[in-house]
């Protein structure tokens, strides 16, 4: 049976439930096919994805669409990354303390 996780009404739409990949240390993630530069703080793909998200939100685009657009930008730079993993990585960049 699938368990449902309640998300508060005021929580951002890009908050993702815990995924098994979140338990994998970053170095092991890189060995699982994720480029090391994708996990870097100064990655050009990270900058492009965050810039896309910020610009869309500033122009009034709703959160889920801005988030998916940023995922598309990230996957453009790293097509080998699975969509769910790109979402997980981007969510971590947007809310690093969550």
Protein backbone atom coordinates (compact mmCIF):
# COMPACT_ATOMS: atom_id res chain seq x y z
CA UNK A 1 0.00 0.00 0.00
CA UNK A 2 1.30 3.43 -0.92
CA UNK A 3 1.59 5.88 1.91
CA UNK A 4 0.55 9.45 1.35
CA UNK A 5 2.73 12.22 2.63
CA UNK A 6 0.89 15.37 3.61
CA UNK A 7 2.45 18.55 2.32
CA UNK A 8 1.49 21.78 4.09
CA UNK A 9 -0.59 24.22 2.05
CA UNK A 10 2.13 26.86 2.12
CA UNK A 11 4.91 24.46 1.04
CA UNK A 12 6.52 25.18 -2.35
CA UNK A 13 5.27 22.95 -5.16
CA UNK A 14 8.78 21.68 -5.92
CA UNK A 15 9.14 20.00 -2.52
CA UNK A 16 9.74 16.36 -3.29
CA UNK A 17 9.13 13.42 -1.00
CA UNK A 18 12.18 11.51 0.12
CA UNK A 19 13.55 9.33 -2.63
CA UNK A 20 15.91 6.38 -2.23
CA UNK A 21 18.58 8.33 -4.13
CA UNK A 22 18.66 10.93 -1.35
CA UNK A 23 20.26 8.34 0.93
CA UNK A 24 23.16 7.81 -1.49
CA UNK A 25 26.22 9.92 -0.67
CA UNK A 26 27.14 12.47 -3.33
CA UNK A 27 30.30 10.64 -4.39
CA UNK A 28 28.34 7.44 -4.98
CA UNK A 29 25.73 9.40 -6.95
CA UNK A 30 28.50 10.49 -9.30
CA UNK A 31 29.49 6.86 -9.75
CA UNK A 32 25.88 5.96 -10.60
CA UNK A 33 26.06 7.93 -13.86
CA UNK A 34 25.62 11.47 -12.59
CA UNK A 35 28.44 13.75 -13.69
CA UNK A 36 30.51 15.12 -10.82
CA UNK A 37 30.23 18.65 -12.27
CA UNK A 38 26.44 18.44 -11.87
CA UNK A 39 26.89 18.26 -8.11
CA UNK A 40 29.38 21.13 -8.05
CA UNK A 41 28.45 24.47 -6.50
CA UNK A 42 29.90 26.36 -9.51
CA UNK A 43 28.47 24.27 -12.34
CA UNK A 44 27.37 26.17 -15.48
CA UNK A 45 24.34 23.88 -15.74
CA UNK A 46 23.39 24.66 -12.14
CA UNK A 47 23.66 28.38 -12.82
CA UNK A 48 21.56 28.08 -16.00
CA UNK A 49 18.82 26.04 -14.29
CA UNK A 50 18.61 28.35 -11.28
CA UNK A 51 18.67 31.41 -13.52
CA UNK A 52 15.78 29.99 -15.59
CA UNK A 53 13.76 29.24 -12.45
CA UNK A 54 14.41 32.67 -10.92
CA UNK A 55 13.64 34.57 -14.12
CA UNK A 56 10.39 32.70 -14.70
CA UNK A 57 9.24 33.18 -11.10
CA UNK A 58 10.14 36.89 -11.28
CA UNK A 59 8.04 37.25 -14.44
CA UNK A 60 5.00 35.71 -12.73
CA UNK A 61 5.11 32.11 -13.96
CA UNK A 62 3.62 29.71 -11.42
CA UNK A 63 6.02 27.60 -9.38
CA UNK A 64 5.42 24.13 -10.94
CA UNK A 65 5.93 25.44 -14.49
CA UNK A 66 9.06 27.36 -13.56
CA UNK A 67 10.40 24.26 -11.81
CA UNK A 68 9.74 21.99 -14.82
CA UNK A 69 11.33 24.56 -17.13
CA UNK A 70 14.44 24.56 -14.93
CA UNK A 71 14.46 20.74 -15.02
CA UNK A 72 14.33 20.93 -18.83
CA UNK A 73 17.31 23.31 -18.83
CA UNK A 74 19.24 20.98 -16.52
CA UNK A 75 18.46 17.95 -18.69
CA UNK A 76 19.49 19.90 -21.80
CA UNK A 77 22.95 20.21 -20.27
CA UNK A 78 22.93 16.64 -18.92
CA UNK A 79 20.64 14.43 -21.06
CA UNK A 80 21.95 11.30 -19.35
CA UNK A 81 20.25 12.35 -16.10
CA UNK A 82 16.87 10.73 -15.47
CA UNK A 83 13.92 13.17 -15.10
CA UNK A 84 13.17 12.17 -11.50
CA UNK A 85 16.82 12.62 -10.56
CA UNK A 86 17.03 16.01 -12.24
CA UNK A 87 13.96 17.07 -10.22
CA UNK A 88 15.54 15.77 -7.02
CA UNK A 89 18.82 17.60 -7.67
CA UNK A 90 17.05 20.85 -8.58
CA UNK A 91 14.84 20.67 -5.49
CA UNK A 92 18.01 20.32 -3.41
CA UNK A 93 19.50 23.39 -5.04
CA UNK A 94 16.36 25.45 -4.44
CA UNK A 95 15.96 24.38 -0.80
CA UNK A 96 19.38 23.20 0.40
CA UNK A 97 18.36 23.17 4.08
CA UNK A 98 15.08 21.28 3.61
